[in-house]
Amino acid sequence: MIDAFTANFGEILPFILVGFGAQMVDGALGMAYGVISSTLLLTLGVPPSRASASVHVAETFTTAVSAISHILHKNVDWKLFSKLIIPGVIGGVTGAYVLSNIDGAVIKPYIQTYLAGIGLYLVWRGFHLPPKQKDPNWVAPLGLVGGFMDATGGGGWGPIVTSNLLLQGSSPRHTIGTVNTVEFFLTLSISITFLIHLGWQAFTTYTLGLLIGGVAAAPIGAMLARHIPPRLLFTAVGIILTITSMFGLAKFLGYIG
């Protein structure tokens, strides 16, 4: 019994570590859990729909813990939350339905190119311009697009929504906390949609490892978001966004196996 447990634990341990590291970044910077986790599963040969389904099931639990942590640390802008949640859920459910029935990866390299450009601009702005905070104007369409791309790509809510809200002058700390909190409702809706269209067989055993690591890291990431200076948050978001987007683009073009 112990040997069997050790063998099973050894099998999922790498995914626990990946889930922990990815959620630390996601909780502190508002992005990357889905992108990192999905990339790993796709590299291991998991089909896109099952990879996205597995990541979103794990994220349902990690984002629940992350949302509670951000609320406790007062990182959530409830006005922004109300503008994002409905279009985000609509976009996510639509994207999950599309991915369950057709290949939605065609547009992905164009989105990754766009996000890499935003990432570079955020890095430049973080070093050269002090962020001037103001209420963002373009929110609902952003939530719709972010939710759709998150479902079809297995990740994208944070990179698309967080980065664009920062470009509009939204407070880095409250943007990250709010985007993470809305993400719980988004991932729950996407997971239910995948379950209806694909069944339980869509979810892999790797989900457990991603879930354990992500849940453990979620409170730490929320604490970091509260205490990291806004300029540093700005720059860090830009760096992570640029690296993950360029990696995805290089993989699509065949430069990375």
C-alpha atoms as a PDB file:
ATOM      1  CA  MET A   1       0.000   0.000   0.000  1.00  0.00           C
ATOM      2  CA  ILE A   2       2.793   2.440   0.960  1.00  0.00           C
ATOM      3  CA  ASP A   3       4.821   1.542  -2.137  1.00  0.00           C
ATOM      4  CA  ALA A   4       1.789   2.121  -4.342  1.00  0.00           C
ATOM      5  CA  PHE A   5       1.147   5.474  -2.669  1.00  0.00           C
ATOM      6  CA  THR A   6       4.806   6.484  -3.096  1.00  0.00           C
ATOM      7  CA  ALA A   7       4.727   5.535  -6.775  1.00  0.00           C
ATOM      8  CA  ASN A   8       1.520   7.482  -7.391  1.00  0.00           C
ATOM      9  CA  PHE A   9       2.803  10.489  -5.453  1.00  0.00           C
ATOM     10  CA  GLY A  10       6.071  10.412  -7.391  1.00  0.00           C
ATOM     11  CA  GLU A  11       4.066  10.448 -10.620  1.00  0.00           C
ATOM     12  CA  ILE A  12       2.074  13.563  -9.752  1.00  0.00           C
ATOM     13  CA  LEU A  13       4.822  15.411  -7.809  1.00  0.00           C
ATOM     14  CA  PRO A  14       6.139  17.270 -10.906  1.00  0.00           C
ATOM     15  CA  PHE A  15       2.611  18.525 -11.564  1.00  0.00           C
ATOM     16  CA  ILE A  16       2.228  19.624  -7.942  1.00  0.00           C
ATOM     17  CA  LEU A  17       5.407  21.697  -8.329  1.00  0.00           C
ATOM     18  CA  VAL A  18       4.206  23.117 -11.647  1.00  0.00           C
ATOM     19  CA  GLY A  19       0.821  23.981 -10.133  1.00  0.00           C
ATOM     20  CA  PHE A  20       2.500  25.638  -7.131  1.00  0.00           C
ATOM     21  CA  GLY A  21       4.885  27.732  -9.231  1.00  0.00           C
ATOM     22  CA  ALA A  22       2.245  28.682 -11.786  1.00  0.00           C
ATOM     23  CA  GLN A  23      -0.257  29.762  -9.117  1.00  0.00           C
ATOM     24  CA  MET A  24       2.404  31.807  -7.277  1.00  0.00           C
ATOM     25  CA  VAL A  25       2.925  33.790 -10.465  1.00  0.00           C
ATOM     26  CA  ASP A  26      -0.812  33.947 -11.216  1.00  0.00           C
ATOM     27  CA  GLY A  27      -1.810  35.070  -7.725  1.00  0.00           C
ATOM     28  CA  ALA A  28       0.851  37.780  -7.599  1.00  0.00           C
ATOM     29  CA  LEU A  29       0.668  39.004 -11.211  1.00  0.00           C
ATOM     30  CA  GLY A  30      -2.830  38.027 -12.380  1.00  0.00           C
ATOM     31  CA  MET A  31      -1.766  35.593 -15.112  1.00  0.00           C
ATOM     32  CA  ALA A  32       0.158  32.479 -16.200  1.00  0.00           C
ATOM     33  CA  TYR A  33      -1.428  29.536 -14.317  1.00  0.00           C
ATOM     34  CA  GLY A  34      -3.437  28.362 -17.313  1.00  0.00           C
ATOM     35  CA  VAL A  35      -0.714  29.156 -19.834  1.00  0.00           C
ATOM     36  CA  ILE A  36       2.041  27.307 -17.964  1.00  0.00           C
ATOM     37  CA  SER A  37      -0.131  24.331 -17.018  1.00  0.00           C
ATOM     38  CA  SER A  38      -1.675  23.951 -20.488  1.00  0.00           C
ATOM     39  CA  THR A  39       1.732  24.156 -22.160  1.00  0.00           C
ATOM     40  CA  LEU A  40       3.002  21.319 -19.969  1.00  0.00           C
ATOM     41  CA  LEU A  41       0.023  19.064 -20.683  1.00  0.00           C
ATOM     42  CA  LEU A  42       0.175  19.729 -24.440  1.00  0.00           C
ATOM     43  CA  THR A  43       3.897  18.935 -24.410  1.00  0.00           C
ATOM     44  CA  LEU A  44       3.064  15.570 -22.840  1.00  0.00           C
ATOM     45  CA  GLY A  45       0.664  14.828 -25.707  1.00  0.00           C
ATOM     46  CA  VAL A  46      -2.676  15.592 -24.048  1.00  0.00           C
ATOM     47  CA  PRO A  47      -5.244  16.740 -26.689  1.00  0.00           C
ATOM     48  CA  PRO A  48      -6.056  20.485 -26.554  1.00  0.00           C
ATOM     49  CA  SER A  49      -9.660  20.035 -25.388  1.00  0.00           C
ATOM     50  CA  ARG A  50      -8.660  17.645 -22.573  1.00  0.00           C
ATOM     51  CA  ALA A  51      -5.697  19.812 -21.555  1.00  0.00           C
ATOM     52  CA  SER A  52      -7.947  22.867 -21.319  1.00  0.00           C
ATOM     53  CA  ALA A  53     -10.619  20.897 -19.444  1.00  0.00           C
ATOM     54  CA  SER A  54      -8.096  19.541 -16.909  1.00  0.00           C
ATOM     55  CA  VAL A  55      -6.530  22.940 -16.288  1.00  0.00           C
ATOM     56  CA  HIS A  56      -9.914  24.598 -15.801  1.00  0.00           C
ATOM     57  CA  VAL A  57     -11.074  21.958 -13.311  1.00  0.00           C
ATOM     58  CA  ALA A  58      -7.894  22.511 -11.266  1.00  0.00           C
ATOM     59  CA  GLU A  59      -8.325  26.272 -11.622  1.00  0.00           C
ATOM     60  CA  THR A  60     -11.864  26.073 -10.235  1.00  0.00           C
ATOM     61  CA  PHE A  61     -10.330  25.142  -6.875  1.00  0.00           C
ATOM     62  CA  THR A  62      -7.177  27.279  -7.055  1.00  0.00           C
ATOM     63  CA  THR A  63      -9.109  30.386  -8.111  1.00  0.00           C
ATOM     64  CA  ALA A  64     -11.620  29.838  -5.280  1.00  0.00           C
ATOM     65  CA  VAL A  65      -8.788  29.951  -2.734  1.00  0.00           C
ATOM     66  CA  SER A  66      -7.116  32.810  -4.604  1.00  0.00           C
ATOM     67  CA  ALA A  67     -10.372  34.821  -4.709  1.00  0.00           C
ATOM     68  CA  ILE A  68     -10.941  34.425  -0.959  1.00  0.00           C
ATOM     69  CA  SER A  69      -7.324  35.436  -0.292  1.00  0.00           C
ATOM     70  CA  HIS A  70      -7.535  38.540  -2.511  1.00  0.00           C
ATOM     71  CA  ILE A  71     -10.824  39.570  -0.849  1.00  0.00           C
ATOM     72  CA  LEU A  72      -9.252  39.213   2.600  1.00  0.00           C
ATOM     73  CA  HIS A  73      -6.278  41.333   1.496  1.00  0.00           C
ATOM     74  CA  LYS A  74      -8.698  43.970   0.055  1.00  0.00           C
ATOM     75  CA  ASN A  75      -7.298  43.592  -3.455  1.00  0.00           C
ATOM     76  CA  VAL A  76     -10.724  43.504  -5.179  1.00  0.00           C
ATOM     77  CA  ASP A  77     -12.383  46.471  -6.933  1.00  0.00           C
ATOM     78  CA  TRP A  78     -16.052  45.443  -6.799  1.00  0.00           C
ATOM     79  CA  LYS A  79     -17.129  47.995  -9.406  1.00  0.00           C
ATOM     80  CA  LEU A  80     -14.645  46.509 -11.880  1.00  0.00           C
ATOM     81  CA  PHE A  81     -15.718  43.020 -10.791  1.00  0.00           C
ATOM     82  CA  SER A  82     -19.359  43.718 -11.724  1.00  0.00           C
ATOM     83  CA  LYS A  83     -18.342  44.919 -15.199  1.00  0.00           C
ATOM     84  CA  LEU A  84     -16.179  41.862 -15.926  1.00  0.00           C
ATOM     85  CA  ILE A  85     -18.068  38.873 -14.571  1.00  0.00           C
ATOM     86  CA  ILE A  86     -21.053  38.544 -16.952  1.00  0.00           C
ATOM     87  CA  PRO A  87     -19.209  39.103 -20.263  1.00  0.00           C
ATOM     88  CA  GLY A  88     -16.333  36.964 -18.988  1.00  0.00           C
ATOM     89  CA  VAL A  89     -18.603  33.993 -18.240  1.00  0.00           C
ATOM     90  CA  ILE A  90     -20.441  34.388 -21.566  1.00  0.00           C
ATOM     91  CA  GLY A  91     -17.136  34.411 -23.464  1.00  0.00           C
ATOM     92  CA  GLY A  92     -15.815  31.433 -21.513  1.00  0.00           C
ATOM     93  CA  VAL A  93     -18.878  29.236 -22.049  1.00  0.00           C
ATOM     94  CA  THR A  94     -18.920  30.119 -25.761  1.00  0.00           C
ATOM     95  CA  GLY A  95     -15.217  29.313 -26.103  1.00  0.00           C
ATOM     96  CA  ALA A  96     -15.580  25.981 -24.300  1.00  0.00           C
ATOM     97  CA  TYR A  97     -18.439  25.018 -26.602  1.00  0.00           C
ATOM     98  CA  VAL A  98     -16.403  25.977 -29.696  1.00  0.00           C
ATOM     99  CA  LEU A  99     -13.329  24.032 -28.545  1.00  0.00           C
ATOM    100  CA  SER A 100     -15.480  20.985 -27.738  1.00  0.00           C
ATOM    101  CA  ASN A 101     -16.736  20.867 -31.338  1.00  0.00           C
ATOM    102  CA  ILE A 102     -14.037  22.386 -33.604  1.00  0.00           C
ATOM    103  CA  ASP A 103     -10.337  23.275 -33.560  1.00  0.00           C
ATOM    104  CA  GLY A 104     -10.104  26.762 -32.084  1.00  0.00           C
ATOM    105  CA  ALA A 105      -6.294  27.014 -32.256  1.00  0.00           C
ATOM    106  CA  VAL A 106      -6.146  28.838 -35.591  1.00  0.00           C
ATOM    107  CA  ILE A 107      -6.314  32.314 -34.080  1.00  0.00           C
ATOM    108  CA  LYS A 108      -3.951  31.541 -31.195  1.00  0.00           C
ATOM    109  CA  PRO A 109      -0.629  32.657 -32.821  1.00  0.00           C
ATOM    110  CA  TYR A 110      -2.146  36.047 -33.683  1.00  0.00           C
ATOM    111  CA  ILE A 111      -3.297  36.542 -30.093  1.00  0.00           C
ATOM    112  CA  GLN A 112       0.126  35.522 -28.770  1.00  0.00           C
ATOM    113  CA  THR A 113       1.859  37.990 -31.078  1.00  0.00           C
ATOM    114  CA  TYR A 114      -0.475  40.733 -29.851  1.00  0.00           C
ATOM    115  CA  LEU A 115       0.139  39.829 -26.192  1.00  0.00           C
ATOM    116  CA  ALA A 116       3.915  39.744 -26.667  1.00  0.00           C
ATOM    117  CA  GLY A 117       3.725  43.298 -28.028  1.00  0.00           C
ATOM    118  CA  ILE A 118       1.662  44.428 -25.021  1.00  0.00           C
ATOM    119  CA  GLY A 119       4.138  42.719 -22.688  1.00  0.00           C
ATOM    120  CA  LEU A 120       7.086  44.618 -24.172  1.00  0.00           C
ATOM    121  CA  TYR A 121       5.181  47.888 -23.878  1.00  0.00           C
ATOM    122  CA  LEU A 122       4.312  47.183 -20.221  1.00  0.00           C
ATOM    123  CA  VAL A 123       7.983  46.509 -19.448  1.00  0.00           C
ATOM    124  CA  TRP A 124       8.968  49.807 -21.097  1.00  0.00           C
ATOM    125  CA  ARG A 125       6.207  51.697 -19.315  1.00  0.00           C
ATOM    126  CA  GLY A 126       7.104  50.173 -15.962  1.00  0.00           C
ATOM    127  CA  PHE A 127      10.678  51.465 -16.282  1.00  0.00           C
ATOM    128  CA  HIS A 128       9.959  54.865 -17.836  1.00  0.00           C
ATOM    129  CA  LEU A 129       6.505  56.093 -16.893  1.00  0.00           C
ATOM    130  CA  PRO A 130       4.951  56.149 -13.408  1.00  0.00           C
ATOM    131  CA  PRO A 131       1.501  54.540 -13.787  1.00  0.00           C
ATOM    132  CA  LYS A 132      -1.263  57.160 -13.649  1.00  0.00           C
ATOM    133  CA  GLN A 133      -4.240  55.392 -12.145  1.00  0.00           C
ATOM    134  CA  LYS A 134      -7.738  55.922 -13.554  1.00  0.00           C
ATOM    135  CA  ASP A 135     -10.907  53.907 -14.052  1.00  0.00           C
ATOM    136  CA  PRO A 136     -10.724  51.810 -17.240  1.00  0.00           C
ATOM    137  CA  ASN A 137     -13.386  52.479 -19.885  1.00  0.00           C
ATOM    138  CA  TRP A 138     -13.107  49.379 -22.093  1.00  0.00           C
ATOM    139  CA  VAL A 139     -14.068  46.551 -19.715  1.00  0.00           C
ATOM    140  CA  ALA A 140     -17.048  44.442 -20.868  1.00  0.00           C
ATOM    141  CA  PRO A 141     -15.694  43.655 -24.396  1.00  0.00           C
ATOM    142  CA  LEU A 142     -12.363  42.818 -22.784  1.00  0.00           C
ATOM    143  CA  GLY A 143     -14.059  40.317 -20.473  1.00  0.00           C
ATOM    144  CA  LEU A 144     -15.887  38.724 -23.400  1.00  0.00           C
ATOM    145  CA  VAL A 145     -12.720  38.277 -25.487  1.00  0.00           C
ATOM    146  CA  GLY A 146     -10.647  37.194 -22.478  1.00  0.00           C
ATOM    147  CA  GLY A 147     -13.179  34.541 -21.443  1.00  0.00           C
ATOM    148  CA  PHE A 148     -13.444  33.159 -24.983  1.00  0.00           C
ATOM    149  CA  MET A 149      -9.672  32.956 -25.497  1.00  0.00           C
ATOM    150  CA  ASP A 150      -9.175  31.440 -22.047  1.00  0.00           C
ATOM    151  CA  ALA A 151     -11.479  28.530 -22.871  1.00  0.00           C
ATOM    152  CA  THR A 152     -10.182  27.910 -26.393  1.00  0.00           C
ATOM    153  CA  GLY A 153      -6.502  28.217 -25.446  1.00  0.00           C
ATOM    154  CA  GLY A 154      -6.480  26.691 -21.956  1.00  0.00           C
ATOM    155  CA  GLY A 155      -5.265  30.038 -20.633  1.00  0.00           C
ATOM    156  CA  GLY A 156      -5.529  33.671 -21.617  1.00  0.00           C
ATOM    157  CA  TRP A 157      -7.942  35.343 -19.215  1.00  0.00           C
ATOM    158  CA  GLY A 158      -5.166  36.881 -17.122  1.00  0.00           C
ATOM    159  CA  PRO A 159      -2.798  37.877 -19.963  1.00  0.00           C
ATOM    160  CA  ILE A 160      -5.559  39.504 -22.021  1.00  0.00           C
ATOM    161  CA  VAL A 161      -7.628  41.124 -19.267  1.00  0.00           C
ATOM    162  CA  THR A 162      -4.946  42.081 -16.746  1.00  0.00           C
ATOM    163  CA  SER A 163      -2.549  43.532 -19.317  1.00  0.00           C
ATOM    164  CA  ASN A 164      -5.213  45.583 -21.107  1.00  0.00           C
ATOM    165  CA  LEU A 165      -6.669  46.953 -17.878  1.00  0.00           C
ATOM    166  CA  LEU A 166      -3.179  48.042 -16.839  1.00  0.00           C
ATOM    167  CA  LEU A 167      -2.762  49.773 -20.211  1.00  0.00           C
ATOM    168  CA  GLN A 168      -5.938  51.724 -19.450  1.00  0.00           C
ATOM    169  CA  GLY A 169      -4.526  52.928 -16.127  1.00  0.00           C
ATOM    170  CA  SER A 170      -6.222  50.571 -13.673  1.00  0.00           C
ATOM    171  CA  SER A 171      -4.505  50.068 -10.292  1.00  0.00           C
ATOM    172  CA  PRO A 172      -2.107  47.070 -10.603  1.00  0.00           C
ATOM    173  CA  ARG A 173      -2.946  45.598  -7.180  1.00  0.00           C
ATOM    174  CA  HIS A 174      -6.733  45.896  -7.595  1.00  0.00           C
ATOM    175  CA  THR A 175      -6.606  44.777 -11.228  1.00  0.00           C
ATOM    176  CA  ILE A 176      -4.786  41.573 -10.271  1.00  0.00           C
ATOM    177  CA  GLY A 177      -7.075  40.878  -7.298  1.00  0.00           C
ATOM    178  CA  THR A 178     -10.265  41.543  -9.271  1.00  0.00           C
ATOM    179  CA  VAL A 179      -9.209  39.545 -12.347  1.00  0.00           C
ATOM    180  CA  ASN A 180      -8.294  36.585 -10.131  1.00  0.00           C
ATOM    181  CA  THR A 181     -11.619  36.762  -8.288  1.00  0.00           C
ATOM    182  CA  VAL A 182     -13.708  36.883 -11.483  1.00  0.00           C
ATOM    183  CA  GLU A 183     -11.628  33.969 -12.788  1.00  0.00           C
ATOM    184  CA  PHE A 184     -13.216  31.611 -10.248  1.00  0.00           C
ATOM    185  CA  PHE A 185     -16.667  32.093 -11.797  1.00  0.00           C
ATOM    186  CA  LEU A 186     -15.159  31.898 -15.281  1.00  0.00           C
ATOM    187  CA  THR A 187     -13.326  28.611 -14.697  1.00  0.00           C
ATOM    188  CA  LEU A 188     -16.344  27.077 -12.958  1.00  0.00           C
ATOM    189  CA  SER A 189     -18.557  27.898 -15.954  1.00  0.00           C
ATOM    190  CA  ILE A 190     -15.967  26.622 -18.451  1.00  0.00           C
ATOM    191  CA  SER A 191     -15.458  23.375 -16.489  1.00  0.00           C
ATOM    192  CA  ILE A 192     -19.197  22.674 -16.386  1.00  0.00           C
ATOM    193  CA  THR A 193     -19.435  23.287 -20.148  1.00  0.00           C
ATOM    194  CA  PHE A 194     -16.545  20.899 -20.842  1.00  0.00           C
ATOM    195  CA  LEU A 195     -18.138  18.303 -18.548  1.00  0.00           C
ATOM    196  CA  ILE A 196     -21.437  18.493 -20.435  1.00  0.00           C
ATOM    197  CA  HIS A 197     -19.839  18.203 -23.890  1.00  0.00           C
ATOM    198  CA  LEU A 198     -16.841  15.930 -23.217  1.00  0.00           C
ATOM    199  CA  GLY A 199     -17.769  13.909 -20.117  1.00  0.00           C
ATOM    200  CA  TRP A 200     -15.537  12.892 -17.216  1.00  0.00           C
ATOM    201  CA  GLN A 201     -13.069  11.173 -19.554  1.00  0.00           C
ATOM    202  CA  ALA A 202     -11.808  14.612 -20.590  1.00  0.00           C
ATOM    203  CA  PHE A 203     -10.108  15.126 -17.228  1.00  0.00           C
ATOM    204  CA  THR A 204      -6.646  13.660 -16.749  1.00  0.00           C
ATOM    205  CA  THR A 205      -4.895  12.405 -13.612  1.00  0.00           C
ATOM    206  CA  TYR A 206      -2.525  15.375 -13.914  1.00  0.00           C
ATOM    207  CA  THR A 207      -5.401  17.558 -12.742  1.00  0.00           C
ATOM    208  CA  LEU A 208      -4.855  16.396  -9.142  1.00  0.00           C
ATOM    209  CA  GLY A 209      -1.225  17.521  -9.097  1.00  0.00           C
ATOM    210  CA  LEU A 210      -2.041  20.907 -10.606  1.00  0.00           C
ATOM    211  CA  LEU A 211      -4.862  21.309  -8.077  1.00  0.00           C
ATOM    212  CA  ILE A 212      -2.784  20.461  -4.986  1.00  0.00           C
ATOM    213  CA  GLY A 213       0.099  22.743  -5.939  1.00  0.00           C
ATOM    214  CA  GLY A 214      -2.173  25.594  -6.995  1.00  0.00           C
ATOM    215  CA  VAL A 215      -4.306  25.549  -3.841  1.00  0.00           C
ATOM    216  CA  ALA A 216      -1.176  25.580  -1.643  1.00  0.00           C
ATOM    217  CA  ALA A 217       0.270  28.606  -3.448  1.00  0.00           C
ATOM    218  CA  ALA A 218      -2.891  30.727  -3.852  1.00  0.00           C
ATOM    219  CA  PRO A 219      -2.815  32.530  -0.448  1.00  0.00           C
ATOM    220  CA  ILE A 220       0.880  33.380  -0.887  1.00  0.00           C
ATOM    221  CA  GLY A 221       0.330  34.911  -4.322  1.00  0.00           C
ATOM    222  CA  ALA A 222      -2.491  37.134  -3.026  1.00  0.00           C
ATOM    223  CA  MET A 223      -0.297  38.376  -0.189  1.00  0.00           C
ATOM    224  CA  LEU A 224       2.496  39.235  -2.631  1.00  0.00           C
ATOM    225  CA  ALA A 225       0.103  41.233  -4.842  1.00  0.00           C
ATOM    226  CA  ARG A 226      -0.748  43.452  -1.869  1.00  0.00           C
ATOM    227  CA  HIS A 227       2.829  44.198  -0.868  1.00  0.00           C
ATOM    228  CA  ILE A 228       4.761  44.436  -4.163  1.00  0.00           C
ATOM    229  CA  PRO A 229       5.174  48.096  -5.328  1.00  0.00           C
ATOM    230  CA  PRO A 230       2.961  49.063  -8.332  1.00  0.00           C
ATOM    231  CA  ARG A 231       5.916  49.883 -10.618  1.00  0.00           C
ATOM    232  CA  LEU A 232       7.449  46.453  -9.955  1.00  0.00           C
ATOM    233  CA  LEU A 233       4.085  44.746 -10.548  1.00  0.00           C
ATOM    234  CA  PHE A 234       3.773  46.591 -13.855  1.00  0.00           C
ATOM    235  CA  THR A 235       7.215  45.479 -15.032  1.00  0.00           C
ATOM    236  CA  ALA A 236       6.823  41.896 -13.791  1.00  0.00           C
ATOM    237  CA  VAL A 237       3.477  41.500 -15.585  1.00  0.00           C
ATOM    238  CA  GLY A 238       5.101  42.720 -18.808  1.00  0.00           C
ATOM    239  CA  ILE A 239       8.031  40.309 -18.499  1.00  0.00           C
ATOM    240  CA  ILE A 240       5.879  37.254 -17.751  1.00  0.00           C
ATOM    241  CA  LEU A 241       3.440  38.162 -20.529  1.00  0.00           C
ATOM    242  CA  THR A 242       6.236  38.609 -23.084  1.00  0.00           C
ATOM    243  CA  ILE A 243       8.019  35.359 -22.170  1.00  0.00           C
ATOM    244  CA  THR A 244       4.907  33.155 -22.166  1.00  0.00           C
ATOM    245  CA  SER A 245       3.534  34.670 -25.384  1.00  0.00           C
ATOM    246  CA  MET A 246       6.812  34.383 -27.281  1.00  0.00           C
ATOM    247  CA  PHE A 247       7.246  30.806 -26.047  1.00  0.00           C
ATOM    248  CA  GLY A 248       3.779  29.887 -27.305  1.00  0.00           C
ATOM    249  CA  LEU A 249       4.441  31.556 -30.648  1.00  0.00           C
ATOM    250  CA  ALA A 250       7.803  29.805 -31.056  1.00  0.00           C
ATOM    251  CA  LYS A 251       6.137  26.471 -30.266  1.00  0.00           C
ATOM    252  CA  PHE A 252       3.426  27.097 -32.861  1.00  0.00           C
ATOM    253  CA  LEU A 253       6.019  27.991 -35.519  1.00  0.00           C
ATOM    254  CA  GLY A 254       7.980  24.806 -34.788  1.00  0.00           C
ATOM    255  CA  TYR A 255      11.079  26.361 -33.245  1.00  0.00           C
ATOM    256  CA  ILE A 256      10.360  24.495 -29.997  1.00  0.00           C
ATOM    257  CA  GLY A 257       9.395  20.831 -30.000  1.00  0.00           C
END
